[in-house]
PDB file of N, CA and C in Angstrom:
ATOM      1  N   MET A   1       7.313 -17.454   7.629  1.00  0.00           N
ATOM      2  CA  MET A   1       8.220 -18.498   6.486  1.00  0.00           C
ATOM      3  C   MET A   1       6.335 -19.237   6.865  1.00  0.00           C
ATOM      4  N   GLU A   2       6.212 -19.201   8.293  1.00  0.00           N
ATOM      5  CA  GLU A   2       4.691 -20.070   9.207  1.00  0.00           C
ATOM      6  C   GLU A   2       3.747 -19.909   8.200  1.00  0.00           C
ATOM      7  N   ALA A   3       3.356 -18.697   6.987  1.00  0.00           N
ATOM      8  CA  ALA A   3       2.491 -18.590   6.401  1.00  0.00           C
ATOM      9  C   ALA A   3       3.027 -19.294   5.548  1.00  0.00           C
ATOM     10  N   ALA A   4       3.650 -19.016   4.796  1.00  0.00           N
ATOM     11  CA  ALA A   4       4.733 -20.152   3.580  1.00  0.00           C
ATOM     12  C   ALA A   4       4.559 -21.704   3.834  1.00  0.00           C
ATOM     13  N   SER A   5       4.446 -22.089   4.784  1.00  0.00           N
ATOM     14  CA  SER A   5       4.048 -23.061   4.711  1.00  0.00           C
ATOM     15  C   SER A   5       3.259 -23.614   5.258  1.00  0.00           C
ATOM     16  N   LEU A   6       2.240 -22.866   5.023  1.00  0.00           N
ATOM     17  CA  LEU A   6       0.661 -22.932   5.017  1.00  0.00           C
ATOM     18  C   LEU A   6       0.255 -22.192   3.751  1.00  0.00           C
ATOM     19  N   GLY A   7       1.088 -22.335   2.846  1.00  0.00           N
ATOM     20  CA  GLY A   7       0.678 -22.113   1.404  1.00  0.00           C
ATOM     21  C   GLY A   7       0.095 -20.883   1.182  1.00  0.00           C
ATOM     22  N   LYS A   8      -0.242 -19.764   1.694  1.00  0.00           N
ATOM     23  CA  LYS A   8      -0.259 -18.631   2.192  1.00  0.00           C
ATOM     24  C   LYS A   8       0.529 -17.927   0.937  1.00  0.00           C
ATOM     25  N   PRO A   9       0.424 -16.481   1.095  1.00  0.00           N
ATOM     26  CA  PRO A   9       0.851 -14.989   0.138  1.00  0.00           C
ATOM     27  C   PRO A   9       1.624 -14.859   1.059  1.00  0.00           C
ATOM     28  N   CYS A  10       3.024 -14.144   0.939  1.00  0.00           N
ATOM     29  CA  CYS A  10       3.471 -13.297   2.468  1.00  0.00           C
ATOM     30  C   CYS A  10       3.363 -11.631   1.379  1.00  0.00           C
ATOM     31  N   ILE A  11       3.390 -11.441   2.868  1.00  0.00           N
ATOM     32  CA  ILE A  11       3.293  -9.894   2.202  1.00  0.00           C
ATOM     33  C   ILE A  11       4.444  -9.562   3.432  1.00  0.00           C
ATOM     34  N   VAL A  12       6.137  -8.369   2.980  1.00  0.00           N
ATOM     35  CA  VAL A  12       6.766  -8.611   4.369  1.00  0.00           C
ATOM     36  C   VAL A  12       7.443  -7.200   3.997  1.00  0.00           C
ATOM     37  N   SER A  13       7.878  -6.957   5.186  1.00  0.00           N
ATOM     38  CA  SER A  13       9.144  -5.981   4.869  1.00  0.00           C
ATOM     39  C   SER A  13      10.465  -5.970   3.961  1.00  0.00           C
ATOM     40  N   LYS A  14      11.058  -5.108   3.822  1.00  0.00           N
ATOM     41  CA  LYS A  14      12.409  -5.920   2.988  1.00  0.00           C
ATOM     42  C   LYS A  14      13.485  -4.853   4.530  1.00  0.00           C
ATOM     43  N   SER A  15      13.336  -6.145   5.253  1.00  0.00           N
ATOM     44  CA  SER A  15      14.463  -5.825   5.886  1.00  0.00           C
ATOM     45  C   SER A  15      14.072  -7.400   7.588  1.00  0.00           C
ATOM     46  N   GLY A  16      15.306  -7.359   7.603  1.00  0.00           N
ATOM     47  CA  GLY A  16      15.510  -8.563   8.245  1.00  0.00           C
ATOM     48  C   GLY A  16      15.623  -9.710   7.248  1.00  0.00           C
ATOM     49  N   ALA A  17      15.346 -10.841   7.978  1.00  0.00           N
ATOM     50  CA  ALA A  17      16.036 -12.711   7.382  1.00  0.00           C
ATOM     51  C   ALA A  17      15.081 -12.672   6.148  1.00  0.00           C
ATOM     52  N   LEU A  18      13.758 -12.674   6.645  1.00  0.00           N
ATOM     53  CA  LEU A  18      12.759 -13.257   5.420  1.00  0.00           C
ATOM     54  C   LEU A  18      13.209 -13.157   3.916  1.00  0.00           C
ATOM     55  N   THR A  19      13.714 -11.098   4.146  1.00  0.00           N
ATOM     56  CA  THR A  19      14.368 -11.485   2.555  1.00  0.00           C
ATOM     57  C   THR A  19      14.662 -12.415   1.672  1.00  0.00           C
ATOM     58  N   ASP A  20      15.712 -12.755   3.195  1.00  0.00           N
ATOM     59  CA  ASP A  20      16.929 -14.400   2.497  1.00  0.00           C
ATOM     60  C   ASP A  20      15.967 -15.745   2.350  1.00  0.00           C
ATOM     61  N   VAL A  21      15.422 -15.501   2.819  1.00  0.00           N
ATOM     62  CA  VAL A  21      14.463 -17.255   2.671  1.00  0.00           C
ATOM     63  C   VAL A  21      13.449 -16.747   1.375  1.00  0.00           C
ATOM     64  N   LEU A  22      12.012 -16.001   1.475  1.00  0.00           N
ATOM     65  CA  LEU A  22      11.389 -15.444   0.777  1.00  0.00           C
ATOM     66  C   LEU A  22      11.907 -15.513  -0.514  1.00  0.00           C
ATOM     67  N   ASN A  23      10.952 -14.878  -1.570  1.00  0.00           N
ATOM     68  CA  ASN A  23      11.081 -15.057  -2.970  1.00  0.00           C
ATOM     69  C   ASN A  23      10.208 -14.254  -3.650  1.00  0.00           C
ATOM     70  N   GLU A  24      10.288 -13.247  -4.849  1.00  0.00           N
ATOM     71  CA  GLU A  24       9.228 -12.490  -5.037  1.00  0.00           C
ATOM     72  C   GLU A  24       8.333 -13.662  -6.156  1.00  0.00           C
ATOM     73  N   LYS A  25       8.631 -14.486  -5.947  1.00  0.00           N
ATOM     74  CA  LYS A  25       7.051 -15.111  -7.030  1.00  0.00           C
ATOM     75  C   LYS A  25       6.533 -16.136  -5.406  1.00  0.00           C
ATOM     76  N   ASN A  26       6.779 -15.685  -3.805  1.00  0.00           N
ATOM     77  CA  ASN A  26       5.436 -16.008  -3.342  1.00  0.00           C
ATOM     78  C   ASN A  26       5.039 -14.659  -2.439  1.00  0.00           C
ATOM     79  N   SER A  27       5.912 -13.993  -2.319  1.00  0.00           N
ATOM     80  CA  SER A  27       5.922 -12.615  -1.603  1.00  0.00           C
ATOM     81  C   SER A  27       5.792 -11.432  -1.941  1.00  0.00           C
ATOM     82  N   ILE A  28       5.322 -10.367  -1.418  1.00  0.00           N
ATOM     83  CA  ILE A  28       5.549  -9.080  -1.877  1.00  0.00           C
ATOM     84  C   ILE A  28       6.468  -7.769  -0.941  1.00  0.00           C
ATOM     85  N   PHE A  29       7.665  -7.546  -1.180  1.00  0.00           N
ATOM     86  CA  PHE A  29       8.080  -6.870  -0.630  1.00  0.00           C
ATOM     87  C   PHE A  29       7.989  -5.566  -0.296  1.00  0.00           C
ATOM     88  N   ILE A  30       7.778  -4.964   1.148  1.00  0.00           N
ATOM     89  CA  ILE A  30       7.877  -3.342   1.392  1.00  0.00           C
ATOM     90  C   ILE A  30       8.881  -2.945   1.663  1.00  0.00           C
ATOM     91  N   GLU A  31       9.071  -1.702   0.970  1.00  0.00           N
ATOM     92  CA  GLU A  31       9.790  -1.092   1.688  1.00  0.00           C
ATOM     93  C   GLU A  31       9.985  -0.003   2.944  1.00  0.00           C
ATOM     94  N   LEU A  32      10.599  -0.294   3.526  1.00  0.00           N
ATOM     95  CA  LEU A  32      10.088   0.249   5.208  1.00  0.00           C
ATOM     96  C   LEU A  32      10.625   1.741   4.855  1.00  0.00           C
ATOM     97  N   GLY A  33       9.713   2.994   5.453  1.00  0.00           N
ATOM     98  CA  GLY A  33       9.797   4.344   5.220  1.00  0.00           C
ATOM     99  C   GLY A  33       8.847   4.925   4.631  1.00  0.00           C
ATOM    100  N   LYS A  34       8.780   5.899   4.134  1.00  0.00           N
ATOM    101  CA  LYS A  34       7.468   7.077   3.189  1.00  0.00           C
ATOM    102  C   LYS A  34       6.286   6.384   2.727  1.00  0.00           C
ATOM    103  N   ASP A  35       5.344   6.690   3.348  1.00  0.00           N
ATOM    104  CA  ASP A  35       4.321   6.085   2.596  1.00  0.00           C
ATOM    105  C   ASP A  35       4.143   4.165   3.356  1.00  0.00           C
ATOM    106  N   PHE A  36       4.166   3.803   4.044  1.00  0.00           N
ATOM    107  CA  PHE A  36       4.886   2.530   4.519  1.00  0.00           C
ATOM    108  C   PHE A  36       3.488   1.662   4.706  1.00  0.00           C
ATOM    109  N   GLU A  37       2.262   2.188   5.082  1.00  0.00           N
ATOM    110  CA  GLU A  37       1.339   1.887   5.975  1.00  0.00           C
ATOM    111  C   GLU A  37       0.648   1.513   3.830  1.00  0.00           C
ATOM    112  N   LYS A  38       0.813   2.747   2.970  1.00  0.00           N
ATOM    113  CA  LYS A  38      -0.449   2.440   1.712  1.00  0.00           C
ATOM    114  C   LYS A  38       0.715   1.029   0.764  1.00  0.00           C
ATOM    115  N   LYS A  39       1.606   1.635   1.070  1.00  0.00           N
ATOM    116  CA  LYS A  39       2.351   0.250   0.625  1.00  0.00           C
ATOM    117  C   LYS A  39       1.864  -0.400   0.783  1.00  0.00           C
ATOM    118  N   LEU A  40       1.568  -1.393   2.056  1.00  0.00           N
ATOM    119  CA  LEU A  40       1.365  -2.313   2.563  1.00  0.00           C
ATOM    120  C   LEU A  40      -0.562  -2.433   2.929  1.00  0.00           C
ATOM    121  N   ALA A  41      -1.336  -1.594   2.760  1.00  0.00           N
ATOM    122  CA  ALA A  41      -2.604  -1.808   2.054  1.00  0.00           C
ATOM    123  C   ALA A  41      -2.955  -2.041   0.698  1.00  0.00           C
ATOM    124  N   LYS A  42      -2.419  -1.490  -0.310  1.00  0.00           N
ATOM    125  CA  LYS A  42      -2.136  -1.433  -1.138  1.00  0.00           C
ATOM    126  C   LYS A  42      -1.370  -3.344  -1.934  1.00  0.00           C
ATOM    127  N   ALA A  43      -0.647  -3.491  -1.131  1.00  0.00           N
ATOM    128  CA  ALA A  43      -0.523  -5.706  -1.420  1.00  0.00           C
ATOM    129  C   ALA A  43      -1.439  -5.837  -0.852  1.00  0.00           C
ATOM    130  N   ILE A  44      -1.653  -5.671   0.367  1.00  0.00           N
ATOM    131  CA  ILE A  44      -2.891  -6.622   0.615  1.00  0.00           C
ATOM    132  C   ILE A  44      -4.171  -6.520  -0.161  1.00  0.00           C
ATOM    133  N   PHE A  45      -4.080  -5.708  -0.823  1.00  0.00           N
ATOM    134  CA  PHE A  45      -6.009  -5.299  -2.016  1.00  0.00           C
ATOM    135  C   PHE A  45      -5.653  -6.013  -2.805  1.00  0.00           C
ATOM    136  N   SER A  46      -4.216  -5.680  -2.541  1.00  0.00           N
ATOM    137  CA  SER A  46      -4.039  -6.994  -4.186  1.00  0.00           C
ATOM    138  C   SER A  46      -4.193  -8.363  -4.715  1.00  0.00           C
ATOM    139  N   VAL A  47      -3.620  -9.277  -3.107  1.00  0.00           N
ATOM    140  CA  VAL A  47      -3.583 -10.454  -3.023  1.00  0.00           C
ATOM    141  C   VAL A  47      -5.110 -10.686  -2.672  1.00  0.00           C
ATOM    142  N   PHE A  48      -5.844  -9.996  -2.427  1.00  0.00           N
ATOM    143  CA  PHE A  48      -7.248 -10.148  -1.947  1.00  0.00           C
ATOM    144  C   PHE A  48      -7.690  -9.702  -3.056  1.00  0.00           C
ATOM    145  N   THR A  49      -7.777  -9.617  -3.763  1.00  0.00           N
ATOM    146  CA  THR A  49      -9.044  -9.391  -5.179  1.00  0.00           C
ATOM    147  C   THR A  49      -8.153  -9.313  -6.518  1.00  0.00           C
ATOM    148  N   ASP A  50      -7.006 -10.556  -6.480  1.00  0.00           N
ATOM    149  CA  ASP A  50      -6.188 -10.357  -7.843  1.00  0.00           C
ATOM    150  C   ASP A  50      -6.061 -12.233  -7.116  1.00  0.00           C
ATOM    151  N   SER A  51      -7.103 -13.174  -7.554  1.00  0.00           N
ATOM    152  CA  SER A  51      -6.883 -14.385  -7.669  1.00  0.00           C
ATOM    153  C   SER A  51      -6.112 -15.587  -8.054  1.00  0.00           C
ATOM    154  N   LYS A  52      -5.605 -14.898  -9.278  1.00  0.00           N
ATOM    155  CA  LYS A  52      -4.685 -15.789 -10.068  1.00  0.00           C
ATOM    156  C   LYS A  52      -3.250 -15.435  -8.993  1.00  0.00           C
ATOM    157  N   LEU A  53      -3.428 -13.903  -9.373  1.00  0.00           N
ATOM    158  CA  LEU A  53      -1.945 -12.986  -7.917  1.00  0.00           C
ATOM    159  C   LEU A  53      -1.702 -14.100  -6.929  1.00  0.00           C
ATOM    160  N   ARG A  54      -3.148 -14.695  -6.073  1.00  0.00           N
ATOM    161  CA  ARG A  54      -3.811 -14.734  -5.145  1.00  0.00           C
ATOM    162  C   ARG A  54      -2.427 -16.869  -4.903  1.00  0.00           C
ATOM    163  N   ASP A  55      -3.446 -17.589  -5.670  1.00  0.00           N
ATOM    164  CA  ASP A  55      -3.609 -18.659  -5.909  1.00  0.00           C
ATOM    165  C   ASP A  55      -1.948 -19.111  -6.889  1.00  0.00           C
ATOM    166  N   SER A  56      -1.457 -18.429  -7.492  1.00  0.00           N
ATOM    167  CA  SER A  56      -0.156 -18.390  -7.611  1.00  0.00           C
ATOM    168  C   SER A  56       1.184 -18.316  -6.822  1.00  0.00           C
ATOM    169  N   MET A  57       0.852 -17.514  -5.932  1.00  0.00           N
ATOM    170  CA  MET A  57       1.854 -16.987  -4.871  1.00  0.00           C
ATOM    171  C   MET A  57       1.402 -18.162  -3.690  1.00  0.00           C
ATOM    172  N   SER A  58       0.274 -18.375  -3.609  1.00  0.00           N
ATOM    173  CA  SER A  58       0.001 -19.792  -3.133  1.00  0.00           C
ATOM    174  C   SER A  58       0.715 -21.143  -3.141  1.00  0.00           C
ATOM    175  N   LYS A  59       0.871 -21.597  -4.100  1.00  0.00           N
ATOM    176  CA  LYS A  59       0.662 -22.663  -5.148  1.00  0.00           C
ATOM    177  C   LYS A  59       2.679 -21.928  -4.720  1.00  0.00           C
ATOM    178  N   GLU A  60       3.121 -21.387  -4.996  1.00  0.00           N
ATOM    179  CA  GLU A  60       5.093 -20.977  -4.784  1.00  0.00           C
ATOM    180  C   GLU A  60       5.082 -20.776  -3.402  1.00  0.00           C
ATOM    181  N   SER A  61       4.733 -20.104  -2.734  1.00  0.00           N
ATOM    182  CA  SER A  61       4.875 -21.122  -0.765  1.00  0.00           C
ATOM    183  C   SER A  61       4.690 -22.253  -0.725  1.00  0.00           C
ATOM    184  N   LEU A  62       4.147 -23.240  -0.806  1.00  0.00           N
ATOM    185  CA  LEU A  62       3.922 -24.454  -0.814  1.00  0.00           C
ATOM    186  C   LEU A  62       5.361 -24.998  -1.116  1.00  0.00           C
ATOM    187  N   ILE A  63       6.120 -24.849  -2.644  1.00  0.00           N
ATOM    188  CA  ILE A  63       6.866 -25.293  -3.189  1.00  0.00           C
ATOM    189  C   ILE A  63       8.391 -24.824  -2.350  1.00  0.00           C
ATOM    190  N   LEU A  64       8.701 -23.357  -1.869  1.00  0.00           N
ATOM    191  CA  LEU A  64       9.131 -23.299  -1.265  1.00  0.00           C
ATOM    192  C   LEU A  64       9.284 -24.024   0.326  1.00  0.00           C
ATOM    193  N   SER A  65       8.162 -24.170   0.879  1.00  0.00           N
ATOM    194  CA  SER A  65       7.965 -24.667   2.429  1.00  0.00           C
ATOM    195  C   SER A  65       8.808 -26.008   2.445  1.00  0.00           C
ATOM    196  N   GLN A  66       8.683 -26.793   0.953  1.00  0.00           N
ATOM    197  CA  GLN A  66       9.284 -27.899   1.132  1.00  0.00           C
ATOM    198  C   GLN A  66      11.030 -27.982   1.550  1.00  0.00           C
ATOM    199  N   LYS A  67      11.120 -27.136   1.055  1.00  0.00           N
ATOM    200  CA  LYS A  67      12.733 -26.838   0.945  1.00  0.00           C
ATOM    201  C   LYS A  67      12.920 -27.033   2.112  1.00  0.00           C
ATOM    202  N   PHE A  68      12.103 -26.548   3.723  1.00  0.00           N
ATOM    203  CA  PHE A  68      12.125 -27.024   4.604  1.00  0.00           C
ATOM    204  C   PHE A  68      11.277 -27.866   5.966  1.00  0.00           C
ATOM    205  N   ASN A  69      10.342 -28.317   5.594  1.00  0.00           N
ATOM    206  CA  ASN A  69       9.813 -28.581   5.884  1.00  0.00           C
ATOM    207  C   ASN A  69      10.491 -30.131   6.239  1.00  0.00           C
ATOM    208  N   ASP A  70      10.964 -31.116   5.470  1.00  0.00           N
ATOM    209  CA  ASP A  70      11.913 -32.369   5.646  1.00  0.00           C
ATOM    210  C   ASP A  70      13.081 -31.825   7.313  1.00  0.00           C
ATOM    211  N   GLU A  71      12.227 -32.449   7.998  1.00  0.00           N
ATOM    212  CA  GLU A  71      12.734 -32.703   9.035  1.00  0.00           C
ATOM    213  C   GLU A  71      15.058 -32.807   8.979  1.00  0.00           C
ATOM    214  N   LYS A  72      14.582 -34.113   7.997  1.00  0.00           N
ATOM    215  CA  LYS A  72      15.908 -34.296   7.718  1.00  0.00           C
ATOM    216  C   LYS A  72      17.132 -33.623   7.583  1.00  0.00           C
ATOM    217  N   ASP A  73      16.208 -32.411   6.890  1.00  0.00           N
ATOM    218  CA  ASP A  73      17.196 -32.091   5.951  1.00  0.00           C
ATOM    219  C   ASP A  73      17.256 -30.479   6.209  1.00  0.00           C
ATOM    220  N   TYR A  74      16.328 -30.502   7.563  1.00  0.00           N
ATOM    221  CA  TYR A  74      15.944 -28.215   7.258  1.00  0.00           C
ATOM    222  C   TYR A  74      17.516 -28.302   8.448  1.00  0.00           C
ATOM    223  N   PHE A  75      18.186 -29.022   9.106  1.00  0.00           N
ATOM    224  CA  PHE A  75      19.475 -28.378  10.144  1.00  0.00           C
ATOM    225  C   PHE A  75      19.978 -28.304   8.517  1.00  0.00           C
ATOM    226  N   LYS A  76      20.569 -29.102   7.400  1.00  0.00           N
ATOM    227  CA  LYS A  76      21.120 -28.473   6.012  1.00  0.00           C
ATOM    228  C   LYS A  76      21.113 -27.330   5.894  1.00  0.00           C
ATOM    229  N   ASN A  77      19.630 -27.308   5.720  1.00  0.00           N
ATOM    230  CA  ASN A  77      19.383 -26.082   4.783  1.00  0.00           C
ATOM    231  C   ASN A  77      19.406 -24.415   5.697  1.00  0.00           C
ATOM    232  N   PHE A  78      18.721 -25.377   6.398  1.00  0.00           N
ATOM    233  CA  PHE A  78      18.981 -24.204   7.618  1.00  0.00           C
ATOM    234  C   PHE A  78      20.422 -23.505   7.955  1.00  0.00           C
ATOM    235  N   CYS A  79      21.543 -24.175   7.478  1.00  0.00           N
ATOM    236  CA  CYS A  79      23.269 -23.743   7.892  1.00  0.00           C
ATOM    237  C   CYS A  79      23.547 -23.734   6.366  1.00  0.00           C
ATOM    238  N   ASN A  80      23.043 -23.849   5.572  1.00  0.00           N
ATOM    239  CA  ASN A  80      23.484 -23.695   4.081  1.00  0.00           C
ATOM    240  C   ASN A  80      23.106 -21.846   3.990  1.00  0.00           C
ATOM    241  N   LEU A  81      21.639 -21.753   4.504  1.00  0.00           N
ATOM    242  CA  LEU A  81      21.056 -20.318   4.184  1.00  0.00           C
ATOM    243  C   LEU A  81      21.907 -19.598   5.179  1.00  0.00           C
ATOM    244  N   ALA A  82      22.680 -19.963   6.681  1.00  0.00           N
ATOM    245  CA  ALA A  82      22.899 -19.171   7.541  1.00  0.00           C
ATOM    246  C   ALA A  82      24.566 -18.473   6.442  1.00  0.00           C
ATOM    247  N   ASN A  83      25.177 -20.038   6.084  1.00  0.00           N
ATOM    248  CA  ASN A  83      26.428 -19.755   5.365  1.00  0.00           C
ATOM    249  C   ASN A  83      26.308 -18.880   3.942  1.00  0.00           C
ATOM    250  N   GLY A  84      25.097 -18.310   3.535  1.00  0.00           N
ATOM    251  CA  GLY A  84      25.063 -17.585   2.481  1.00  0.00           C
ATOM    252  C   GLY A  84      25.238 -16.598   2.919  1.00  0.00           C
ATOM    253  N   ILE A  85      23.830 -16.046   4.530  1.00  0.00           N
ATOM    254  CA  ILE A  85      23.778 -15.344   4.583  1.00  0.00           C
ATOM    255  C   ILE A  85      25.618 -14.237   5.531  1.00  0.00           C
ATOM    256  N   ILE A  86      25.872 -14.642   5.886  1.00  0.00           N
ATOM    257  CA  ILE A  86      27.333 -14.480   6.839  1.00  0.00           C
ATOM    258  C   ILE A  86      28.120 -14.281   5.380  1.00  0.00           C
ATOM    259  N   LYS A  87      29.262 -14.790   4.218  1.00  0.00           N
ATOM    260  CA  LYS A  87      29.873 -14.926   3.107  1.00  0.00           C
ATOM    261  C   LYS A  87      28.953 -13.267   2.449  1.00  0.00           C
ATOM    262  N   GLU A  88      27.654 -13.343   2.560  1.00  0.00           N
ATOM    263  CA  GLU A  88      27.701 -11.971   1.699  1.00  0.00           C
ATOM    264  C   GLU A  88      27.751 -10.547   2.619  1.00  0.00           C
ATOM    265  N   ASN A  89      27.648 -11.022   4.159  1.00  0.00           N
ATOM    266  CA  ASN A  89      28.423  -9.742   4.882  1.00  0.00           C
ATOM    267  C   ASN A  89      29.796  -9.860   5.057  1.00  0.00           C
TER     268      ASN A  89
END
């Protein structure tokens, strides 16, 4: 989330809470397991070398982070996210 708030593309594993907050527009999700390191290297390389992808993901990160930057709405958004996770499980 910190990277997104700075307008950075995110590369994350498909585990934990980040999969519930980030999306395919600003992030590359990598499955844990076999060849994780190769997939991670490929994702890093693609973001590093593809300026259109990097710029698009950066823009989407800033848009997403605005949902969490307003202190007044932060708690409400956090509670909505937590309630959504609880309902899914």
